[in-house]
N, C-alpha and C. Protein backbone atom coordinates (compact mmCIF):
# COMPACT_ATOMS: atom_id res chain seq x y z
N UNK A 1 -67.12 7.60 6.86
CA UNK A 1 -65.78 7.21 6.76
C UNK A 1 -65.75 5.95 6.03
N UNK A 2 -64.95 6.00 4.80
CA UNK A 2 -64.81 4.87 3.96
C UNK A 2 -63.84 3.80 4.59
N UNK A 3 -64.19 2.54 4.44
CA UNK A 3 -63.45 1.44 4.94
C UNK A 3 -62.64 0.79 3.71
N UNK A 4 -61.30 0.79 3.76
CA UNK A 4 -60.52 0.18 2.72
C UNK A 4 -60.23 -1.27 2.97
N UNK A 5 -60.54 -2.18 2.07
CA UNK A 5 -60.36 -3.60 2.11
C UNK A 5 -59.38 -4.04 0.93
N UNK A 6 -58.40 -4.72 1.28
CA UNK A 6 -57.39 -5.23 0.28
C UNK A 6 -57.82 -6.69 0.15
N UNK A 7 -58.22 -6.95 -1.20
CA UNK A 7 -58.65 -8.31 -1.55
C UNK A 7 -57.54 -9.13 -2.01
N UNK A 8 -56.49 -9.34 -1.01
CA UNK A 8 -55.30 -10.08 -1.45
C UNK A 8 -54.67 -10.59 -0.21
N UNK A 9 -54.14 -11.99 -0.27
CA UNK A 9 -53.40 -12.37 0.91
C UNK A 9 -51.93 -12.17 0.63
N UNK A 10 -51.54 -11.46 -0.27
CA UNK A 10 -50.03 -11.16 -0.54
C UNK A 10 -49.41 -10.31 0.55
N UNK A 11 -48.47 -10.91 1.31
CA UNK A 11 -47.63 -10.05 2.28
C UNK A 11 -47.03 -8.87 1.66
N UNK A 12 -46.64 -9.00 0.42
CA UNK A 12 -45.95 -7.88 -0.17
C UNK A 12 -46.94 -6.66 -0.49
N UNK A 13 -48.08 -7.01 -0.88
CA UNK A 13 -49.16 -6.05 -1.15
C UNK A 13 -49.54 -5.31 0.22
N UNK A 14 -49.64 -6.12 1.23
CA UNK A 14 -50.00 -5.49 2.53
C UNK A 14 -48.89 -4.53 3.00
N UNK A 15 -47.61 -4.93 2.80
CA UNK A 15 -46.54 -4.04 3.25
C UNK A 15 -46.53 -2.87 2.44
N UNK A 16 -46.72 -2.94 1.12
CA UNK A 16 -46.61 -1.74 0.25
C UNK A 16 -47.76 -0.84 0.48
N UNK A 17 -49.09 -1.27 0.77
CA UNK A 17 -50.17 -0.47 0.96
C UNK A 17 -50.05 0.34 2.39
N UNK A 18 -49.40 -0.43 3.31
CA UNK A 18 -49.02 0.26 4.54
C UNK A 18 -48.02 1.22 4.48
N UNK A 19 -47.08 0.91 3.74
CA UNK A 19 -45.95 1.84 3.52
C UNK A 19 -46.47 3.14 2.86
N UNK A 20 -47.41 3.17 1.99
CA UNK A 20 -48.07 4.36 1.35
C UNK A 20 -48.99 4.99 2.38
N UNK A 21 -49.23 4.54 3.53
CA UNK A 21 -49.93 5.22 4.56
C UNK A 21 -51.44 5.02 4.79
N UNK A 22 -51.84 3.96 4.06
CA UNK A 22 -53.21 3.60 4.12
C UNK A 22 -53.57 2.64 5.24
N UNK A 23 -54.64 2.88 5.92
CA UNK A 23 -55.22 1.91 6.89
C UNK A 23 -56.17 1.09 6.16
N UNK A 24 -56.24 -0.31 6.40
CA UNK A 24 -57.02 -1.02 5.62
C UNK A 24 -57.23 -2.50 6.33
N UNK A 25 -58.17 -3.20 5.94
CA UNK A 25 -58.34 -4.64 6.35
C UNK A 25 -57.93 -5.51 5.28
N UNK A 26 -57.72 -6.76 5.57
CA UNK A 26 -57.39 -7.75 4.54
C UNK A 26 -58.42 -8.78 4.46
N UNK A 27 -59.01 -9.08 3.34
CA UNK A 27 -59.99 -10.06 3.00
C UNK A 27 -59.69 -10.71 1.69
N UNK A 28 -58.86 -11.86 1.75
CA UNK A 28 -58.50 -12.38 0.46
C UNK A 28 -59.69 -12.90 -0.38
N UNK A 29 -59.49 -12.82 -1.66
CA UNK A 29 -60.53 -13.16 -2.63
C UNK A 29 -60.13 -14.61 -3.07
N UNK A 30 -61.11 -15.46 -3.25
CA UNK A 30 -60.82 -16.81 -3.71
C UNK A 30 -61.67 -17.03 -4.99
N UNK A 31 -60.89 -16.75 -6.10
CA UNK A 31 -61.52 -16.92 -7.36
C UNK A 31 -60.65 -17.93 -8.30
N UNK A 32 -61.23 -18.33 -9.26
CA UNK A 32 -60.42 -19.19 -10.30
C UNK A 32 -59.57 -18.32 -11.17
N UNK A 33 -58.24 -18.52 -11.06
CA UNK A 33 -57.18 -17.58 -11.72
C UNK A 33 -56.70 -18.28 -12.92
N UNK A 34 -57.48 -19.25 -13.58
CA UNK A 34 -57.01 -19.88 -14.82
C UNK A 34 -57.03 -18.85 -16.02
N UNK A 35 -55.90 -18.94 -16.78
CA UNK A 35 -55.91 -18.10 -17.98
C UNK A 35 -56.95 -18.57 -19.07
N UNK A 36 -57.53 -17.72 -19.76
CA UNK A 36 -58.43 -18.05 -20.76
C UNK A 36 -57.68 -18.00 -22.18
N UNK A 37 -57.87 -18.85 -22.96
CA UNK A 37 -57.13 -18.93 -24.19
C UNK A 37 -57.26 -17.75 -25.16
N UNK A 38 -58.30 -16.80 -25.06
CA UNK A 38 -58.52 -15.69 -25.78
C UNK A 38 -57.96 -14.36 -25.16
N UNK A 39 -57.31 -14.51 -24.01
CA UNK A 39 -56.89 -13.28 -23.24
C UNK A 39 -55.48 -13.00 -23.56
N UNK A 40 -55.26 -11.65 -23.60
CA UNK A 40 -53.80 -11.19 -23.61
C UNK A 40 -53.45 -10.91 -22.24
N UNK A 41 -52.05 -10.71 -21.90
CA UNK A 41 -51.66 -10.66 -20.53
C UNK A 41 -52.40 -9.44 -19.77
N UNK A 42 -52.55 -8.25 -20.44
CA UNK A 42 -53.17 -7.18 -19.72
C UNK A 42 -54.69 -7.50 -19.49
N UNK A 43 -55.40 -8.02 -20.42
CA UNK A 43 -56.74 -8.41 -20.19
C UNK A 43 -56.88 -9.44 -19.09
N UNK A 44 -55.89 -10.33 -18.96
CA UNK A 44 -55.98 -11.25 -17.99
C UNK A 44 -55.89 -10.68 -16.60
N UNK A 45 -54.83 -9.93 -16.26
CA UNK A 45 -54.70 -9.38 -15.00
C UNK A 45 -55.80 -8.32 -14.61
N UNK A 46 -56.31 -7.57 -15.60
CA UNK A 46 -57.48 -6.72 -15.34
C UNK A 46 -58.73 -7.57 -15.00
N UNK A 47 -58.88 -8.64 -15.71
CA UNK A 47 -60.10 -9.41 -15.39
C UNK A 47 -59.89 -10.00 -13.84
N UNK A 48 -58.80 -10.58 -13.55
CA UNK A 48 -58.61 -11.10 -12.18
C UNK A 48 -58.70 -10.17 -11.12
N UNK A 49 -58.16 -8.83 -11.41
CA UNK A 49 -58.24 -7.79 -10.38
C UNK A 49 -59.66 -7.50 -10.16
N UNK A 50 -60.35 -7.29 -11.26
CA UNK A 50 -61.91 -6.97 -11.27
C UNK A 50 -62.67 -8.16 -10.43
N UNK A 51 -62.36 -9.36 -10.78
CA UNK A 51 -63.09 -10.45 -10.14
C UNK A 51 -62.85 -10.49 -8.69
N UNK A 52 -61.54 -10.31 -8.21
CA UNK A 52 -61.09 -10.34 -6.81
C UNK A 52 -61.88 -9.18 -6.07
N UNK A 53 -61.91 -7.97 -6.61
CA UNK A 53 -62.46 -6.74 -5.98
C UNK A 53 -63.90 -6.97 -5.84
N UNK A 54 -64.51 -7.51 -6.89
CA UNK A 54 -66.03 -7.69 -6.95
C UNK A 54 -66.45 -8.80 -6.01
N UNK A 55 -65.69 -9.90 -5.98
CA UNK A 55 -66.03 -11.02 -5.06
C UNK A 55 -65.99 -10.52 -3.53
N UNK A 56 -64.94 -9.77 -3.26
CA UNK A 56 -64.82 -9.34 -1.77
C UNK A 56 -65.92 -8.31 -1.44
N UNK A 57 -66.12 -7.35 -2.53
CA UNK A 57 -67.16 -6.40 -2.25
C UNK A 57 -68.46 -7.07 -1.87
N UNK A 58 -68.81 -8.10 -2.64
CA UNK A 58 -70.04 -8.77 -2.51
C UNK A 58 -70.29 -9.47 -1.14
N UNK A 59 -69.03 -9.80 -0.52
CA UNK A 59 -68.98 -10.36 0.88
C UNK A 59 -69.18 -9.48 2.03
N UNK A 60 -68.94 -8.14 1.71
CA UNK A 60 -68.88 -7.10 2.71
C UNK A 60 -70.30 -6.43 2.74
N UNK A 61 -70.96 -6.34 3.93
CA UNK A 61 -72.25 -5.74 4.14
C UNK A 61 -72.21 -4.24 3.99
N UNK A 62 -71.01 -3.63 4.17
CA UNK A 62 -70.78 -2.21 4.38
C UNK A 62 -70.76 -1.54 2.93
N UNK A 63 -71.93 -0.69 2.67
CA UNK A 63 -71.96 -0.09 1.23
C UNK A 63 -70.94 0.98 1.08
N UNK A 64 -70.28 1.45 2.25
CA UNK A 64 -69.31 2.59 2.14
C UNK A 64 -67.89 1.94 1.88
N UNK A 65 -67.74 0.57 1.87
CA UNK A 65 -66.58 0.01 1.76
C UNK A 65 -65.88 0.32 0.29
N UNK A 66 -64.59 0.40 0.39
CA UNK A 66 -63.91 0.47 -1.02
C UNK A 66 -62.99 -0.76 -1.08
N UNK A 67 -63.04 -1.58 -1.95
CA UNK A 67 -62.21 -2.81 -2.14
C UNK A 67 -61.27 -2.64 -3.21
N UNK A 68 -59.98 -3.00 -2.86
CA UNK A 68 -58.80 -2.99 -3.84
C UNK A 68 -58.40 -4.36 -4.20
N UNK A 69 -58.60 -4.63 -5.50
CA UNK A 69 -58.24 -5.95 -5.95
C UNK A 69 -57.02 -5.72 -6.83
N UNK A 70 -56.01 -6.73 -6.89
CA UNK A 70 -54.85 -6.62 -7.64
C UNK A 70 -54.37 -8.00 -8.19
N UNK A 71 -53.80 -8.07 -9.23
CA UNK A 71 -53.19 -9.29 -9.81
C UNK A 71 -52.02 -8.81 -10.63
N UNK A 72 -50.86 -9.61 -10.50
CA UNK A 72 -49.64 -9.27 -11.17
C UNK A 72 -49.22 -10.57 -11.95
N UNK A 73 -48.62 -10.41 -13.09
CA UNK A 73 -48.09 -11.43 -13.88
C UNK A 73 -46.84 -11.08 -14.53
N UNK A 74 -46.07 -12.02 -15.07
CA UNK A 74 -44.88 -11.85 -15.93
C UNK A 74 -45.21 -12.26 -17.26
N UNK A 75 -44.70 -11.51 -18.30
CA UNK A 75 -44.93 -12.07 -19.59
C UNK A 75 -43.67 -11.74 -20.45
N UNK A 76 -43.46 -12.77 -21.34
CA UNK A 76 -42.39 -12.64 -22.43
C UNK A 76 -42.86 -13.37 -23.66
N UNK A 77 -42.60 -12.71 -24.79
CA UNK A 77 -43.09 -13.34 -26.07
C UNK A 77 -44.54 -13.88 -26.00
N UNK A 78 -45.33 -13.12 -25.47
CA UNK A 78 -46.81 -13.39 -25.30
C UNK A 78 -47.20 -14.43 -24.32
N UNK A 79 -46.20 -15.12 -23.72
CA UNK A 79 -46.41 -16.16 -22.70
C UNK A 79 -46.60 -15.56 -21.32
N UNK A 80 -47.49 -16.10 -20.70
CA UNK A 80 -47.80 -15.63 -19.20
C UNK A 80 -46.93 -16.55 -18.43
N UNK A 81 -46.20 -16.02 -17.47
CA UNK A 81 -45.49 -16.78 -16.47
C UNK A 81 -46.03 -16.50 -15.12
N UNK A 82 -46.87 -17.24 -14.70
CA UNK A 82 -47.59 -16.97 -13.42
C UNK A 82 -46.79 -17.60 -12.31
N UNK A 83 -47.38 -17.94 -11.10
CA UNK A 83 -46.51 -18.58 -10.13
C UNK A 83 -46.16 -20.00 -10.52
N UNK A 84 -44.98 -20.41 -10.20
CA UNK A 84 -44.48 -21.78 -10.65
C UNK A 84 -45.32 -22.80 -9.82
N UNK A 85 -45.58 -23.93 -10.67
CA UNK A 85 -46.34 -25.13 -9.99
C UNK A 85 -45.34 -25.94 -9.10
N UNK A 86 -44.13 -25.88 -9.54
CA UNK A 86 -43.11 -26.76 -8.71
C UNK A 86 -41.71 -26.29 -9.07
N UNK A 87 -40.64 -26.87 -8.59
CA UNK A 87 -39.35 -26.41 -8.77
C UNK A 87 -39.01 -26.52 -10.34
N UNK A 88 -39.41 -27.59 -10.90
CA UNK A 88 -39.02 -27.74 -12.35
C UNK A 88 -39.64 -26.60 -13.20
N UNK A 89 -40.91 -26.19 -12.87
CA UNK A 89 -41.62 -25.09 -13.43
C UNK A 89 -40.82 -23.76 -13.25
N UNK A 90 -40.33 -23.57 -12.00
CA UNK A 90 -39.66 -22.38 -11.57
C UNK A 90 -38.38 -22.24 -12.55
N UNK A 91 -37.61 -23.37 -12.62
CA UNK A 91 -36.44 -23.37 -13.41
C UNK A 91 -36.66 -23.10 -14.80
N UNK A 92 -37.72 -23.62 -15.34
CA UNK A 92 -38.14 -23.43 -16.64
C UNK A 92 -38.38 -21.94 -17.01
N UNK A 93 -39.05 -21.23 -15.99
CA UNK A 93 -39.39 -19.81 -16.04
C UNK A 93 -38.13 -18.92 -16.08
N UNK A 94 -37.20 -19.31 -15.05
CA UNK A 94 -35.90 -18.54 -14.93
C UNK A 94 -35.06 -18.64 -16.18
N UNK A 95 -35.10 -19.77 -16.90
CA UNK A 95 -34.31 -19.99 -18.07
C UNK A 95 -34.93 -19.17 -19.23
N UNK A 96 -36.28 -18.93 -19.18
CA UNK A 96 -36.86 -18.09 -20.29
C UNK A 96 -36.51 -16.75 -20.01
N UNK A 97 -36.52 -16.26 -18.72
CA UNK A 97 -36.22 -14.86 -18.45
C UNK A 97 -34.68 -14.56 -18.66
N UNK A 98 -33.79 -15.48 -18.51
CA UNK A 98 -32.40 -15.41 -18.43
C UNK A 98 -31.85 -14.56 -19.70
N UNK A 99 -31.20 -13.44 -19.40
CA UNK A 99 -30.54 -12.65 -20.54
C UNK A 99 -31.43 -11.87 -21.32
N UNK A 100 -32.69 -11.72 -20.88
CA UNK A 100 -33.71 -10.99 -21.75
C UNK A 100 -34.50 -9.99 -20.97
N UNK A 101 -35.28 -9.26 -21.62
CA UNK A 101 -36.19 -8.14 -20.92
C UNK A 101 -37.53 -8.61 -21.07
N UNK A 102 -38.26 -8.73 -19.91
CA UNK A 102 -39.77 -9.11 -19.87
C UNK A 102 -40.53 -8.03 -19.34
N UNK A 103 -41.82 -8.25 -19.30
CA UNK A 103 -42.83 -7.33 -18.82
C UNK A 103 -43.39 -7.82 -17.52
N UNK A 104 -43.61 -6.90 -16.51
CA UNK A 104 -44.36 -7.24 -15.45
C UNK A 104 -45.72 -6.40 -15.50
N UNK A 105 -46.88 -7.11 -15.41
CA UNK A 105 -48.19 -6.41 -15.61
C UNK A 105 -48.89 -6.58 -14.38
N UNK A 106 -49.43 -5.38 -13.84
CA UNK A 106 -50.47 -5.55 -12.80
C UNK A 106 -51.81 -4.92 -13.14
N UNK A 107 -52.80 -5.69 -12.76
CA UNK A 107 -54.24 -5.06 -12.85
C UNK A 107 -54.62 -4.69 -11.60
N UNK A 108 -55.23 -3.49 -11.55
CA UNK A 108 -55.64 -2.87 -10.30
C UNK A 108 -57.18 -2.58 -10.48
N UNK A 109 -57.93 -3.01 -9.38
CA UNK A 109 -59.42 -2.75 -9.46
C UNK A 109 -59.91 -2.18 -8.10
N UNK A 110 -60.63 -1.09 -8.21
CA UNK A 110 -61.27 -0.32 -7.12
C UNK A 110 -62.81 -0.68 -7.06
N UNK A 111 -63.31 -1.40 -6.23
CA UNK A 111 -64.72 -1.69 -6.25
C UNK A 111 -65.48 -0.85 -5.22
N UNK A 112 -66.56 -0.11 -5.51
CA UNK A 112 -67.33 0.65 -4.70
C UNK A 112 -68.71 0.39 -4.82
N UNK A 113 -69.76 0.88 -4.15
CA UNK A 113 -71.20 0.75 -4.26
C UNK A 113 -71.59 1.06 -5.71
N UNK A 114 -70.92 1.89 -6.48
CA UNK A 114 -71.47 2.39 -7.71
C UNK A 114 -70.73 1.74 -8.91
N UNK A 115 -69.48 1.25 -8.72
CA UNK A 115 -68.73 0.86 -9.97
C UNK A 115 -67.52 0.09 -9.56
N UNK A 116 -66.90 -0.57 -10.62
CA UNK A 116 -65.62 -1.20 -10.42
C UNK A 116 -64.70 -0.44 -11.47
N UNK A 117 -63.72 0.25 -11.00
CA UNK A 117 -62.62 0.86 -11.75
C UNK A 117 -61.50 0.17 -11.97
N UNK A 118 -60.93 0.00 -13.24
CA UNK A 118 -59.71 -0.84 -13.36
C UNK A 118 -58.76 -0.16 -14.14
N UNK A 119 -57.39 -0.51 -13.88
CA UNK A 119 -56.28 0.10 -14.66
C UNK A 119 -55.09 -0.90 -14.60
N UNK A 120 -54.18 -0.77 -15.50
CA UNK A 120 -52.95 -1.55 -15.55
C UNK A 120 -51.85 -0.71 -15.50
N UNK A 121 -50.75 -1.45 -14.98
CA UNK A 121 -49.40 -0.84 -14.87
C UNK A 121 -48.45 -1.80 -15.61
N UNK A 122 -47.55 -1.39 -16.38
CA UNK A 122 -46.52 -2.36 -17.13
C UNK A 122 -45.19 -1.78 -16.84
N UNK A 123 -44.31 -2.62 -16.37
CA UNK A 123 -42.86 -2.32 -16.20
C UNK A 123 -42.06 -3.29 -16.96
N UNK A 124 -40.87 -2.81 -17.54
CA UNK A 124 -40.00 -3.63 -18.23
C UNK A 124 -38.77 -3.94 -17.21
N UNK A 125 -38.40 -5.24 -17.31
CA UNK A 125 -37.48 -5.80 -16.39
C UNK A 125 -36.41 -6.52 -17.15
N UNK A 126 -35.14 -6.08 -17.10
CA UNK A 126 -33.99 -6.72 -17.75
C UNK A 126 -33.32 -7.74 -16.68
N UNK A 127 -33.11 -8.81 -17.33
CA UNK A 127 -32.45 -9.92 -16.49
C UNK A 127 -30.96 -10.14 -17.04
N UNK A 128 -30.07 -10.40 -16.23
CA UNK A 128 -28.80 -10.80 -16.71
C UNK A 128 -28.91 -12.30 -17.04
N UNK A 129 -27.98 -12.82 -17.83
CA UNK A 129 -27.90 -14.29 -18.17
C UNK A 129 -27.62 -15.08 -16.90
N UNK A 130 -28.42 -16.32 -16.80
CA UNK A 130 -28.16 -17.02 -15.59
C UNK A 130 -27.72 -18.39 -15.94
N UNK A 131 -26.91 -19.03 -15.21
CA UNK A 131 -26.43 -20.32 -15.51
C UNK A 131 -27.29 -21.38 -14.76
N UNK A 132 -27.25 -22.70 -14.97
CA UNK A 132 -28.05 -23.60 -14.31
C UNK A 132 -27.77 -23.70 -12.77
N UNK A 133 -26.58 -23.50 -12.33
CA UNK A 133 -26.08 -23.51 -11.04
C UNK A 133 -26.75 -22.41 -10.28
N UNK A 134 -26.77 -21.19 -10.90
CA UNK A 134 -27.41 -20.02 -10.22
C UNK A 134 -28.95 -20.25 -10.14
N UNK A 135 -29.56 -20.84 -11.16
CA UNK A 135 -30.95 -21.07 -11.05
C UNK A 135 -31.31 -21.95 -9.93
N UNK A 136 -30.60 -23.17 -9.87
CA UNK A 136 -30.72 -24.18 -8.85
C UNK A 136 -30.60 -23.63 -7.45
N UNK A 137 -29.53 -22.72 -7.36
CA UNK A 137 -29.28 -22.27 -5.93
C UNK A 137 -30.39 -21.39 -5.50
N UNK A 138 -30.93 -20.53 -6.52
CA UNK A 138 -31.97 -19.64 -6.28
C UNK A 138 -33.29 -20.33 -5.79
N UNK A 139 -33.57 -21.35 -6.63
CA UNK A 139 -34.85 -22.27 -6.30
C UNK A 139 -34.69 -22.91 -4.96
N UNK A 140 -33.45 -23.24 -4.64
CA UNK A 140 -33.26 -23.87 -3.28
C UNK A 140 -33.61 -22.96 -2.07
N UNK A 141 -33.55 -21.58 -2.31
CA UNK A 141 -33.90 -20.66 -1.32
C UNK A 141 -35.42 -20.71 -1.06
N UNK A 142 -36.20 -21.28 -1.88
CA UNK A 142 -37.72 -21.21 -1.74
C UNK A 142 -38.40 -20.07 -2.18
N UNK A 143 -37.49 -18.94 -2.42
CA UNK A 143 -38.07 -17.48 -2.85
C UNK A 143 -38.94 -17.58 -3.97
N UNK A 144 -38.62 -18.27 -5.12
CA UNK A 144 -39.32 -18.18 -6.33
C UNK A 144 -40.83 -18.76 -6.28
N UNK A 145 -41.10 -19.67 -5.30
CA UNK A 145 -42.33 -20.54 -5.41
C UNK A 145 -43.59 -19.81 -5.38
N UNK A 146 -43.67 -18.67 -4.70
CA UNK A 146 -44.98 -17.97 -4.65
C UNK A 146 -45.06 -16.68 -5.41
N UNK A 147 -44.12 -16.57 -6.43
CA UNK A 147 -44.14 -15.25 -7.19
C UNK A 147 -44.26 -15.40 -8.63
N UNK A 148 -45.01 -14.59 -9.21
CA UNK A 148 -45.19 -14.60 -10.74
C UNK A 148 -43.76 -14.54 -11.39
N UNK A 149 -43.55 -15.37 -12.33
CA UNK A 149 -42.21 -15.30 -13.04
C UNK A 149 -41.17 -16.09 -12.32
N UNK A 150 -41.48 -16.52 -11.18
CA UNK A 150 -40.53 -17.27 -10.23
C UNK A 150 -39.39 -16.52 -9.72
N UNK A 151 -39.65 -15.23 -9.51
CA UNK A 151 -38.50 -14.39 -8.81
C UNK A 151 -39.20 -13.26 -8.05
N UNK A 152 -38.47 -12.62 -7.11
CA UNK A 152 -38.83 -11.50 -6.48
C UNK A 152 -37.72 -10.48 -6.59
N UNK A 153 -38.02 -9.29 -7.15
CA UNK A 153 -37.06 -8.27 -7.42
C UNK A 153 -36.57 -7.70 -6.07
N UNK A 154 -37.38 -7.78 -4.95
CA UNK A 154 -37.04 -7.25 -3.70
C UNK A 154 -36.16 -8.21 -2.84
N UNK A 155 -35.83 -9.37 -3.47
CA UNK A 155 -35.03 -10.45 -2.75
C UNK A 155 -33.72 -10.77 -3.40
N UNK A 156 -33.44 -12.07 -3.31
CA UNK A 156 -32.22 -12.62 -3.84
C UNK A 156 -31.91 -12.22 -5.35
N UNK A 157 -32.96 -12.25 -6.06
CA UNK A 157 -33.00 -12.17 -7.54
C UNK A 157 -32.48 -10.65 -7.89
N UNK A 158 -32.52 -9.84 -7.03
CA UNK A 158 -32.26 -8.37 -7.35
C UNK A 158 -30.87 -8.24 -7.92
N UNK A 159 -29.96 -9.12 -7.62
CA UNK A 159 -28.56 -8.95 -8.17
C UNK A 159 -28.55 -9.28 -9.65
N UNK A 160 -29.62 -9.87 -10.21
CA UNK A 160 -29.59 -10.18 -11.67
C UNK A 160 -30.39 -9.20 -12.43
N UNK A 161 -30.76 -8.15 -11.92
CA UNK A 161 -31.65 -7.07 -12.57
C UNK A 161 -30.95 -5.79 -12.64
N UNK A 162 -30.27 -5.56 -13.65
CA UNK A 162 -29.43 -4.29 -13.76
C UNK A 162 -30.35 -2.97 -14.16
N UNK A 163 -31.54 -3.39 -14.73
CA UNK A 163 -32.27 -2.12 -15.18
C UNK A 163 -33.77 -2.51 -15.17
N UNK A 164 -34.58 -1.54 -14.74
CA UNK A 164 -36.05 -1.69 -15.11
C UNK A 164 -36.54 -0.42 -15.69
N UNK A 165 -37.57 -0.48 -16.46
CA UNK A 165 -38.21 0.76 -17.08
C UNK A 165 -39.74 0.78 -16.62
N UNK A 166 -39.95 1.71 -15.70
CA UNK A 166 -41.31 1.85 -15.07
C UNK A 166 -41.16 1.68 -13.63
N UNK A 167 -42.32 1.40 -13.01
CA UNK A 167 -42.64 1.41 -11.56
C UNK A 167 -42.10 0.18 -10.93
N UNK A 168 -41.06 0.43 -9.97
CA UNK A 168 -40.38 -0.76 -9.23
C UNK A 168 -41.43 -1.48 -8.44
N UNK A 169 -42.29 -0.69 -7.83
CA UNK A 169 -43.22 -1.27 -6.85
C UNK A 169 -44.33 -2.26 -7.60
N UNK A 170 -44.48 -1.88 -8.94
CA UNK A 170 -45.39 -2.84 -9.66
C UNK A 170 -44.68 -4.19 -9.81
N UNK A 171 -43.28 -4.19 -9.91
CA UNK A 171 -42.64 -5.49 -9.89
C UNK A 171 -42.77 -6.26 -8.62
N UNK A 172 -42.71 -5.53 -7.60
CA UNK A 172 -42.98 -6.14 -6.16
C UNK A 172 -44.35 -6.67 -6.15
N UNK A 173 -45.28 -6.00 -6.67
CA UNK A 173 -46.58 -6.53 -6.65
C UNK A 173 -47.82 -5.49 -6.49
N UNK A 174 -47.49 -4.20 -6.38
CA UNK A 174 -48.63 -3.24 -6.22
C UNK A 174 -47.95 -1.87 -6.79
N UNK A 175 -48.45 -1.42 -7.84
CA UNK A 175 -47.87 -0.11 -8.31
C UNK A 175 -48.49 1.04 -7.51
N UNK A 176 -47.72 1.47 -6.56
CA UNK A 176 -48.22 2.45 -5.53
C UNK A 176 -48.81 3.79 -6.02
N UNK A 177 -48.01 4.32 -7.07
CA UNK A 177 -48.52 5.66 -7.58
C UNK A 177 -49.90 5.50 -8.28
N UNK A 178 -49.97 4.36 -8.97
CA UNK A 178 -51.29 4.18 -9.70
C UNK A 178 -52.41 3.92 -8.62
N UNK A 179 -52.09 3.10 -7.67
CA UNK A 179 -53.09 2.72 -6.68
C UNK A 179 -53.48 3.96 -5.93
N UNK A 180 -52.52 4.81 -5.48
CA UNK A 180 -52.76 6.00 -4.78
C UNK A 180 -53.60 6.98 -5.56
N UNK A 181 -53.37 7.10 -6.82
CA UNK A 181 -54.18 8.00 -7.65
C UNK A 181 -55.65 7.53 -7.74
N UNK A 182 -55.76 6.30 -7.92
CA UNK A 182 -57.04 5.71 -7.92
C UNK A 182 -57.94 5.85 -6.63
N UNK A 183 -57.23 5.63 -5.48
CA UNK A 183 -57.78 5.69 -4.19
C UNK A 183 -57.99 7.10 -3.80
N UNK A 184 -57.12 8.11 -4.26
CA UNK A 184 -57.36 9.43 -3.86
C UNK A 184 -58.66 10.00 -4.40
N UNK A 185 -59.21 9.42 -5.45
CA UNK A 185 -60.47 9.86 -5.95
C UNK A 185 -61.63 9.60 -5.07
N UNK A 186 -61.42 8.53 -4.14
CA UNK A 186 -62.47 8.11 -3.23
C UNK A 186 -62.17 8.69 -1.76
N UNK A 187 -60.87 8.75 -1.43
CA UNK A 187 -60.68 9.20 -0.11
C UNK A 187 -60.20 10.68 -0.06
N UNK A 188 -59.70 11.22 -1.07
CA UNK A 188 -59.09 12.53 -1.08
C UNK A 188 -57.65 12.22 -0.76
N UNK A 189 -56.76 13.13 -1.06
CA UNK A 189 -55.34 13.04 -0.70
C UNK A 189 -54.92 12.98 0.60
N UNK A 190 -55.79 13.55 1.53
CA UNK A 190 -55.44 13.42 3.02
C UNK A 190 -56.26 12.37 3.72
N UNK A 191 -57.10 11.71 3.05
CA UNK A 191 -58.04 10.70 3.76
C UNK A 191 -57.43 9.36 3.97
N UNK A 192 -56.09 9.19 4.00
CA UNK A 192 -55.54 7.93 4.23
C UNK A 192 -55.68 7.67 5.67
């Protein structure tokens, strides 16, 4: 029996993986997540997902284990908007997103004894125009502080998102259809 391990401390990823019917353990990866100057946003999240899955797999003595690594970022005009460093950074990000459509990109990696398989999911997200008072009130909730792009589609910010193109769950942090397709090759469709 394969053992599934989620290499993430994200409560949203845990909830989504459980929602999809998987039994799993959580063992967060601790890697350097700094952006490299030569990386594009897709390359960045694929590298981080790969490094997370590989780092956790190396810690596990079980050769039958399957480790799921994931990383999500927000990008607009080639700029990566990771988790905000502070409230001023969150406000800066929300001003950049205001009234525009950005991309949410997740890198997914599945590490096994034989290989690390990676894939990416991209979703377009349209934001309404925000004023400074709305941005300040949102930041005061604390919600933006641990999220790429300084917002959570599943929370307060949902009222500013009239349209997405692609996978909703990707924007939350784990593209479930992609993850399920990748895991089903190891577990089988009924092996959850």
